[in-house]
Amino acid sequence: MSDKPTAAFVLSLISGILVLLTALIMFVAASLLNLTEFTGVPGMPYFSELITTWLVIIGVVGLIFGALIIVGAVMIYSGEPGKVRTGSILVLIFSILSLFTVGGGFFVGFILGLIGGILGLTWKPSIKQESPAPGFQQV
């Protein structure tokens, strides 16, 4: 076993980055939709505003979820068993929730977050062997 759950950290970090990237794409889509004018078609400007509003809300929620996944990943990398467990739970919860908002970061972010969170939960710190006290010899 290693001193830190590096694989869990890397997978969780990539998951958080993918969720953030998807949220940013939502903002770009909202701004592009807002730039287009649906003139000449009755009722379309209201539809465009509704879609734009929802994309912005989903983008904000995605940014929050992605940031919390990254916070969880950093907690996993601390190597302290309590923080690793808490960070793993954060990664798992917000990876699952991101699936319903921003598609889990192209769905790959969701899968990587699940794997990283599970690896973090199953990680056990290495047991350090104590050196013998000075003056004593092992036979």
N, C-alpha and C. Protein backbone atom coordinates (compact mmCIF):
# COMPACT_ATOMS: atom_id res chain seq x y z
N MET A 1 0.84 -1.19 0.00
CA MET A 1 0.00 0.00 0.00
C MET A 1 0.89 1.25 0.00
N SER A 2 0.38 2.32 -0.55
CA SER A 2 1.13 3.56 -0.59
C SER A 2 0.70 4.48 0.55
N ASP A 3 1.49 5.54 0.73
CA ASP A 3 1.18 6.48 1.81
C ASP A 3 -0.02 7.36 1.48
N LYS A 4 -0.26 7.57 0.20
CA LYS A 4 -1.40 8.39 -0.22
C LYS A 4 -2.17 7.65 -1.32
N PRO A 5 -3.49 7.83 -1.36
CA PRO A 5 -4.28 7.19 -2.43
C PRO A 5 -4.20 7.98 -3.73
N THR A 6 -3.07 7.84 -4.40
CA THR A 6 -2.80 8.65 -5.60
C THR A 6 -3.77 8.36 -6.74
N ALA A 7 -4.08 7.10 -6.98
CA ALA A 7 -5.00 6.76 -8.07
C ALA A 7 -6.38 7.36 -7.82
N ALA A 8 -6.85 7.27 -6.59
CA ALA A 8 -8.15 7.84 -6.25
C ALA A 8 -8.13 9.35 -6.45
N PHE A 9 -7.03 9.99 -6.07
CA PHE A 9 -6.90 11.44 -6.24
C PHE A 9 -6.93 11.83 -7.71
N VAL A 10 -6.14 11.15 -8.54
CA VAL A 10 -6.04 11.51 -9.96
C VAL A 10 -7.38 11.32 -10.66
N LEU A 11 -8.03 10.19 -10.42
CA LEU A 11 -9.32 9.92 -11.07
C LEU A 11 -10.38 10.94 -10.61
N SER A 12 -10.39 11.26 -9.32
CA SER A 12 -11.36 12.24 -8.80
C SER A 12 -11.08 13.63 -9.35
N LEU A 13 -9.82 13.99 -9.45
CA LEU A 13 -9.46 15.30 -9.98
C LEU A 13 -9.88 15.43 -11.45
N ILE A 14 -9.62 14.41 -12.25
CA ILE A 14 -10.04 14.43 -13.65
C ILE A 14 -11.56 14.52 -13.74
N SER A 15 -12.25 13.80 -12.87
CA SER A 15 -13.71 13.86 -12.83
C SER A 15 -14.20 15.29 -12.57
N GLY A 16 -13.62 15.93 -11.57
CA GLY A 16 -14.01 17.31 -11.25
C GLY A 16 -13.73 18.27 -12.39
N ILE A 17 -12.60 18.08 -13.06
CA ILE A 17 -12.26 18.95 -14.20
C ILE A 17 -13.25 18.75 -15.34
N LEU A 18 -13.63 17.50 -15.61
CA LEU A 18 -14.61 17.24 -16.67
C LEU A 18 -15.98 17.83 -16.35
N VAL A 19 -16.39 17.75 -15.08
CA VAL A 19 -17.67 18.35 -14.69
C VAL A 19 -17.60 19.87 -14.84
N LEU A 20 -16.49 20.48 -14.44
CA LEU A 20 -16.32 21.93 -14.62
C LEU A 20 -16.34 22.31 -16.10
N LEU A 21 -15.68 21.52 -16.92
CA LEU A 21 -15.64 21.79 -18.35
C LEU A 21 -17.04 21.71 -18.96
N THR A 22 -17.82 20.73 -18.54
CA THR A 22 -19.19 20.61 -19.04
C THR A 22 -20.03 21.81 -18.62
N ALA A 23 -19.84 22.26 -17.38
CA ALA A 23 -20.58 23.43 -16.90
C ALA A 23 -20.21 24.67 -17.72
N LEU A 24 -18.93 24.81 -18.04
CA LEU A 24 -18.52 25.96 -18.86
C LEU A 24 -19.12 25.88 -20.26
N ILE A 25 -19.25 24.69 -20.79
CA ILE A 25 -19.89 24.52 -22.09
C ILE A 25 -21.36 24.94 -22.02
N MET A 26 -22.00 24.68 -20.89
CA MET A 26 -23.39 25.13 -20.70
C MET A 26 -23.48 26.66 -20.79
N PHE A 27 -22.50 27.33 -20.18
CA PHE A 27 -22.49 28.79 -20.25
C PHE A 27 -22.27 29.29 -21.68
N VAL A 28 -21.38 28.64 -22.39
CA VAL A 28 -21.13 29.02 -23.78
C VAL A 28 -22.40 28.80 -24.62
N ALA A 29 -23.06 27.67 -24.41
CA ALA A 29 -24.30 27.40 -25.15
C ALA A 29 -25.36 28.43 -24.81
N ALA A 30 -25.45 28.82 -23.54
CA ALA A 30 -26.43 29.83 -23.14
C ALA A 30 -26.13 31.17 -23.80
N SER A 31 -24.86 31.53 -23.85
CA SER A 31 -24.53 32.82 -24.46
C SER A 31 -24.74 32.79 -25.97
N LEU A 32 -24.44 31.66 -26.62
CA LEU A 32 -24.68 31.56 -28.06
C LEU A 32 -26.17 31.59 -28.36
N LEU A 33 -26.96 30.93 -27.54
CA LEU A 33 -28.40 30.93 -27.73
C LEU A 33 -28.98 32.32 -27.49
N ASN A 34 -28.38 33.03 -26.56
CA ASN A 34 -28.84 34.38 -26.25
C ASN A 34 -28.50 35.35 -27.38
N LEU A 35 -27.43 35.06 -28.12
CA LEU A 35 -27.04 35.94 -29.22
C LEU A 35 -27.94 35.79 -30.44
N THR A 36 -28.47 34.63 -30.62
CA THR A 36 -29.31 34.42 -31.80
C THR A 36 -30.68 35.05 -31.57
N GLU A 37 -31.18 35.65 -32.58
CA GLU A 37 -32.49 36.29 -32.52
C GLU A 37 -33.49 35.45 -33.29
N PHE A 38 -34.56 35.07 -32.62
CA PHE A 38 -35.62 34.32 -33.29
C PHE A 38 -36.72 35.31 -33.66
N THR A 39 -36.46 36.14 -34.64
CA THR A 39 -37.46 37.10 -35.06
C THR A 39 -38.32 36.49 -36.15
N GLY A 40 -39.55 36.91 -36.18
CA GLY A 40 -40.47 36.44 -37.20
C GLY A 40 -41.24 35.21 -36.80
N VAL A 41 -40.85 34.53 -35.73
CA VAL A 41 -41.57 33.35 -35.28
C VAL A 41 -42.21 33.70 -33.93
N PRO A 42 -43.54 33.68 -33.86
CA PRO A 42 -44.20 34.07 -32.62
C PRO A 42 -43.86 33.11 -31.48
N GLY A 43 -43.54 33.67 -30.32
CA GLY A 43 -43.29 32.88 -29.12
C GLY A 43 -41.87 32.39 -28.98
N MET A 44 -41.05 32.49 -30.01
CA MET A 44 -39.70 31.95 -29.94
C MET A 44 -38.77 32.76 -29.03
N PRO A 45 -38.87 34.09 -28.94
CA PRO A 45 -37.97 34.80 -28.02
C PRO A 45 -38.17 34.33 -26.58
N TYR A 46 -39.39 34.03 -26.19
CA TYR A 46 -39.63 33.57 -24.82
C TYR A 46 -39.05 32.18 -24.61
N PHE A 47 -39.15 31.35 -25.61
CA PHE A 47 -38.58 30.01 -25.54
C PHE A 47 -37.06 30.09 -25.42
N SER A 48 -36.46 31.00 -26.19
CA SER A 48 -35.02 31.19 -26.14
C SER A 48 -34.58 31.66 -24.77
N GLU A 49 -35.32 32.58 -24.16
CA GLU A 49 -34.99 33.06 -22.83
C GLU A 49 -35.12 31.95 -21.78
N LEU A 50 -36.13 31.12 -21.93
CA LEU A 50 -36.32 30.01 -20.99
C LEU A 50 -35.17 29.02 -21.07
N ILE A 51 -34.79 28.65 -22.28
CA ILE A 51 -33.68 27.71 -22.46
C ILE A 51 -32.38 28.32 -21.94
N THR A 52 -32.15 29.60 -22.24
CA THR A 52 -30.95 30.28 -21.77
C THR A 52 -30.89 30.30 -20.25
N THR A 53 -32.01 30.59 -19.61
CA THR A 53 -32.06 30.61 -18.14
C THR A 53 -31.74 29.24 -17.57
N TRP A 54 -32.32 28.20 -18.14
CA TRP A 54 -32.06 26.85 -17.64
C TRP A 54 -30.61 26.45 -17.85
N LEU A 55 -30.03 26.81 -18.98
CA LEU A 55 -28.63 26.49 -19.22
C LEU A 55 -27.70 27.19 -18.23
N VAL A 56 -28.03 28.42 -17.90
CA VAL A 56 -27.22 29.15 -16.91
C VAL A 56 -27.36 28.51 -15.53
N ILE A 57 -28.58 28.15 -15.14
CA ILE A 57 -28.79 27.52 -13.83
C ILE A 57 -28.05 26.18 -13.76
N ILE A 58 -28.16 25.39 -14.81
CA ILE A 58 -27.47 24.10 -14.84
C ILE A 58 -25.96 24.31 -14.83
N GLY A 59 -25.49 25.34 -15.52
CA GLY A 59 -24.06 25.65 -15.52
C GLY A 59 -23.55 26.03 -14.15
N VAL A 60 -24.32 26.85 -13.43
CA VAL A 60 -23.92 27.25 -12.07
C VAL A 60 -23.87 26.04 -11.14
N VAL A 61 -24.90 25.21 -11.21
CA VAL A 61 -24.93 24.00 -10.39
C VAL A 61 -23.77 23.09 -10.76
N GLY A 62 -23.47 22.97 -12.05
CA GLY A 62 -22.34 22.17 -12.49
C GLY A 62 -21.01 22.70 -11.98
N LEU A 63 -20.85 24.03 -11.96
CA LEU A 63 -19.63 24.61 -11.41
C LEU A 63 -19.48 24.29 -9.93
N ILE A 64 -20.57 24.37 -9.19
CA ILE A 64 -20.53 24.06 -7.76
C ILE A 64 -20.18 22.59 -7.55
N PHE A 65 -20.83 21.70 -8.30
CA PHE A 65 -20.57 20.27 -8.15
C PHE A 65 -19.13 19.94 -8.54
N GLY A 66 -18.65 20.52 -9.63
CA GLY A 66 -17.27 20.28 -10.06
C GLY A 66 -16.26 20.76 -9.04
N ALA A 67 -16.52 21.94 -8.47
CA ALA A 67 -15.62 22.47 -7.44
C ALA A 67 -15.62 21.57 -6.20
N LEU A 68 -16.78 21.07 -5.82
CA LEU A 68 -16.84 20.18 -4.65
C LEU A 68 -16.17 18.83 -4.92
N ILE A 69 -16.23 18.35 -6.15
CA ILE A 69 -15.51 17.12 -6.50
C ILE A 69 -14.01 17.36 -6.39
N ILE A 70 -13.54 18.51 -6.84
CA ILE A 70 -12.12 18.83 -6.75
C ILE A 70 -11.69 18.99 -5.29
N VAL A 71 -12.53 19.61 -4.48
CA VAL A 71 -12.24 19.72 -3.04
C VAL A 71 -12.12 18.32 -2.43
N GLY A 72 -13.03 17.44 -2.80
CA GLY A 72 -12.97 16.05 -2.32
C GLY A 72 -11.68 15.37 -2.77
N ALA A 73 -11.26 15.62 -4.01
CA ALA A 73 -10.03 15.03 -4.53
C ALA A 73 -8.82 15.51 -3.72
N VAL A 74 -8.79 16.79 -3.40
CA VAL A 74 -7.69 17.33 -2.60
C VAL A 74 -7.70 16.71 -1.20
N MET A 75 -8.88 16.53 -0.64
CA MET A 75 -8.97 15.88 0.67
C MET A 75 -8.48 14.43 0.59
N ILE A 76 -8.77 13.75 -0.50
CA ILE A 76 -8.28 12.39 -0.68
C ILE A 76 -6.75 12.37 -0.71
N TYR A 77 -6.16 13.35 -1.35
CA TYR A 77 -4.70 13.38 -1.48
C TYR A 77 -3.98 13.71 -0.17
N SER A 78 -4.70 14.18 0.83
CA SER A 78 -4.07 14.52 2.11
C SER A 78 -3.43 13.29 2.75
N GLY A 79 -3.99 12.12 2.54
CA GLY A 79 -3.43 10.91 3.11
C GLY A 79 -3.87 10.63 4.53
N GLU A 80 -4.62 11.54 5.15
CA GLU A 80 -5.14 11.30 6.49
C GLU A 80 -6.42 10.49 6.35
N PRO A 81 -6.53 9.35 7.05
CA PRO A 81 -7.67 8.46 6.85
C PRO A 81 -9.04 9.15 6.99
N GLY A 82 -9.21 10.04 7.93
CA GLY A 82 -10.49 10.72 8.09
C GLY A 82 -10.82 11.63 6.92
N LYS A 83 -9.81 12.38 6.47
CA LYS A 83 -10.02 13.27 5.33
C LYS A 83 -10.21 12.50 4.04
N VAL A 84 -9.50 11.38 3.90
CA VAL A 84 -9.64 10.56 2.69
C VAL A 84 -11.06 10.03 2.61
N ARG A 85 -11.59 9.57 3.73
CA ARG A 85 -12.95 9.04 3.74
C ARG A 85 -13.97 10.14 3.42
N THR A 86 -13.83 11.31 4.05
CA THR A 86 -14.75 12.42 3.79
C THR A 86 -14.65 12.88 2.34
N GLY A 87 -13.43 13.02 1.83
CA GLY A 87 -13.25 13.43 0.44
C GLY A 87 -13.83 12.42 -0.54
N SER A 88 -13.67 11.14 -0.23
CA SER A 88 -14.23 10.10 -1.10
C SER A 88 -15.74 10.16 -1.14
N ILE A 89 -16.35 10.40 0.01
CA ILE A 89 -17.81 10.52 0.06
C ILE A 89 -18.26 11.75 -0.72
N LEU A 90 -17.52 12.87 -0.59
CA LEU A 90 -17.85 14.07 -1.38
C LEU A 90 -17.79 13.78 -2.88
N VAL A 91 -16.73 13.12 -3.28
CA VAL A 91 -16.56 12.80 -4.71
C VAL A 91 -17.69 11.91 -5.19
N LEU A 92 -18.02 10.89 -4.42
CA LEU A 92 -19.10 9.98 -4.82
C LEU A 92 -20.44 10.70 -4.94
N ILE A 93 -20.80 11.47 -3.92
CA ILE A 93 -22.11 12.14 -3.90
C ILE A 93 -22.23 13.12 -5.07
N PHE A 94 -21.21 13.97 -5.24
CA PHE A 94 -21.35 15.01 -6.26
C PHE A 94 -21.09 14.49 -7.67
N SER A 95 -20.40 13.37 -7.79
CA SER A 95 -20.30 12.74 -9.12
C SER A 95 -21.65 12.19 -9.54
N ILE A 96 -22.34 11.56 -8.59
CA ILE A 96 -23.67 11.03 -8.91
C ILE A 96 -24.64 12.17 -9.21
N LEU A 97 -24.60 13.24 -8.41
CA LEU A 97 -25.50 14.37 -8.66
C LEU A 97 -25.18 15.07 -9.98
N SER A 98 -23.90 15.10 -10.34
CA SER A 98 -23.54 15.76 -11.60
C SER A 98 -24.10 15.02 -12.81
N LEU A 99 -24.36 13.74 -12.65
CA LEU A 99 -24.94 12.97 -13.74
C LEU A 99 -26.31 13.53 -14.13
N PHE A 100 -27.06 14.01 -13.13
CA PHE A 100 -28.41 14.52 -13.38
C PHE A 100 -28.44 15.99 -13.77
N THR A 101 -27.33 16.69 -13.64
CA THR A 101 -27.32 18.10 -14.01
C THR A 101 -26.55 18.33 -15.30
N VAL A 102 -25.25 18.08 -15.28
CA VAL A 102 -24.43 18.36 -16.45
C VAL A 102 -23.98 17.09 -17.16
N GLY A 103 -24.71 16.02 -16.98
CA GLY A 103 -24.39 14.78 -17.67
C GLY A 103 -23.15 14.09 -17.14
N GLY A 104 -22.77 14.43 -15.91
CA GLY A 104 -21.63 13.78 -15.29
C GLY A 104 -20.30 14.09 -15.94
N GLY A 105 -20.17 15.23 -16.55
CA GLY A 105 -18.91 15.56 -17.21
C GLY A 105 -18.65 14.65 -18.39
N PHE A 106 -19.53 14.73 -19.38
CA PHE A 106 -19.49 13.88 -20.57
C PHE A 106 -19.64 12.40 -20.20
N PHE A 107 -20.26 12.10 -19.11
CA PHE A 107 -20.49 10.76 -18.55
C PHE A 107 -19.18 10.11 -18.09
N VAL A 108 -18.08 10.46 -18.70
CA VAL A 108 -16.78 9.92 -18.30
C VAL A 108 -16.41 10.45 -16.92
N GLY A 109 -16.73 11.72 -16.65
CA GLY A 109 -16.46 12.30 -15.34
C GLY A 109 -17.21 11.58 -14.24
N PHE A 110 -18.43 11.18 -14.54
CA PHE A 110 -19.23 10.42 -13.57
C PHE A 110 -18.58 9.09 -13.26
N ILE A 111 -18.16 8.37 -14.30
CA ILE A 111 -17.53 7.05 -14.11
C ILE A 111 -16.21 7.20 -13.34
N LEU A 112 -15.38 8.17 -13.73
CA LEU A 112 -14.10 8.38 -13.04
C LEU A 112 -14.32 8.80 -11.59
N GLY A 113 -15.35 9.61 -11.34
CA GLY A 113 -15.65 10.01 -9.97
C GLY A 113 -16.09 8.83 -9.12
N LEU A 114 -16.90 7.95 -9.70
CA LEU A 114 -17.30 6.74 -8.97
C LEU A 114 -16.09 5.87 -8.64
N ILE A 115 -15.25 5.63 -9.62
CA ILE A 115 -14.08 4.78 -9.39
C ILE A 115 -13.14 5.43 -8.38
N GLY A 116 -12.89 6.74 -8.54
CA GLY A 116 -12.01 7.44 -7.60
C GLY A 116 -12.55 7.46 -6.19
N GLY A 117 -13.85 7.69 -6.05
CA GLY A 117 -14.46 7.69 -4.72
C GLY A 117 -14.40 6.32 -4.06
N ILE A 118 -14.65 5.29 -4.84
CA ILE A 118 -14.60 3.92 -4.30
C ILE A 118 -13.17 3.55 -3.93
N LEU A 119 -12.20 3.91 -4.78
CA LEU A 119 -10.80 3.65 -4.45
C LEU A 119 -10.39 4.38 -3.17
N GLY A 120 -10.89 5.60 -3.01
CA GLY A 120 -10.58 6.35 -1.79
C GLY A 120 -11.19 5.72 -0.55
N LEU A 121 -12.40 5.19 -0.70
CA LEU A 121 -13.05 4.54 0.46
C LEU A 121 -12.39 3.22 0.83
N THR A 122 -11.84 2.52 -0.15
CA THR A 122 -11.22 1.23 0.14
C THR A 122 -9.74 1.34 0.47
N TRP A 123 -9.17 2.54 0.36
CA TRP A 123 -7.75 2.73 0.64
C TRP A 123 -7.47 2.56 2.13
N LYS A 124 -6.39 1.85 2.41
CA LYS A 124 -5.94 1.67 3.79
C LYS A 124 -4.51 2.20 3.88
N PRO A 125 -4.22 3.01 4.90
CA PRO A 125 -2.84 3.52 5.03
C PRO A 125 -1.88 2.38 5.35
N SER A 126 -0.66 2.54 4.90
CA SER A 126 0.34 1.50 5.17
C SER A 126 0.69 1.51 6.65
N ILE A 127 0.94 0.34 7.17
CA ILE A 127 1.31 0.21 8.58
C ILE A 127 2.81 0.40 8.68
N LYS A 128 3.20 1.37 9.47
CA LYS A 128 4.61 1.67 9.62
C LYS A 128 5.18 0.80 10.73
N GLN A 129 6.31 0.17 10.43
CA GLN A 129 6.95 -0.65 11.45
C GLN A 129 7.78 0.24 12.34
N GLU A 130 7.65 0.00 13.62
CA GLU A 130 8.40 0.80 14.58
C GLU A 130 9.81 0.24 14.69
N SER A 131 10.76 1.14 14.78
CA SER A 131 12.13 0.69 14.95
C SER A 131 12.34 0.34 16.42
N PRO A 132 13.22 -0.61 16.70
CA PRO A 132 13.44 -0.97 18.11
C PRO A 132 14.04 0.20 18.87
N ALA A 133 13.74 0.24 20.15
CA ALA A 133 14.25 1.31 21.00
C ALA A 133 15.77 1.24 21.04
N PRO A 134 16.42 2.40 21.17
CA PRO A 134 17.89 2.40 21.21
C PRO A 134 18.40 1.57 22.39
N GLY A 135 19.44 0.83 22.13
CA GLY A 135 20.04 0.02 23.20
C GLY A 135 19.56 -1.42 23.17
N PHE A 136 18.51 -1.71 22.44
CA PHE A 136 18.02 -3.07 22.37
C PHE A 136 18.40 -3.66 21.02
N GLN A 137 18.80 -4.89 21.05
CA GLN A 137 19.16 -5.57 19.81
C GLN A 137 18.15 -6.69 19.59
N GLN A 138 17.82 -6.86 18.34
CA GLN A 138 16.96 -7.98 18.01
C GLN A 138 17.82 -9.20 17.77
N VAL A 139 17.38 -10.32 18.22
CA VAL A 139 18.12 -11.54 18.06
C VAL A 139 17.53 -12.43 17.03
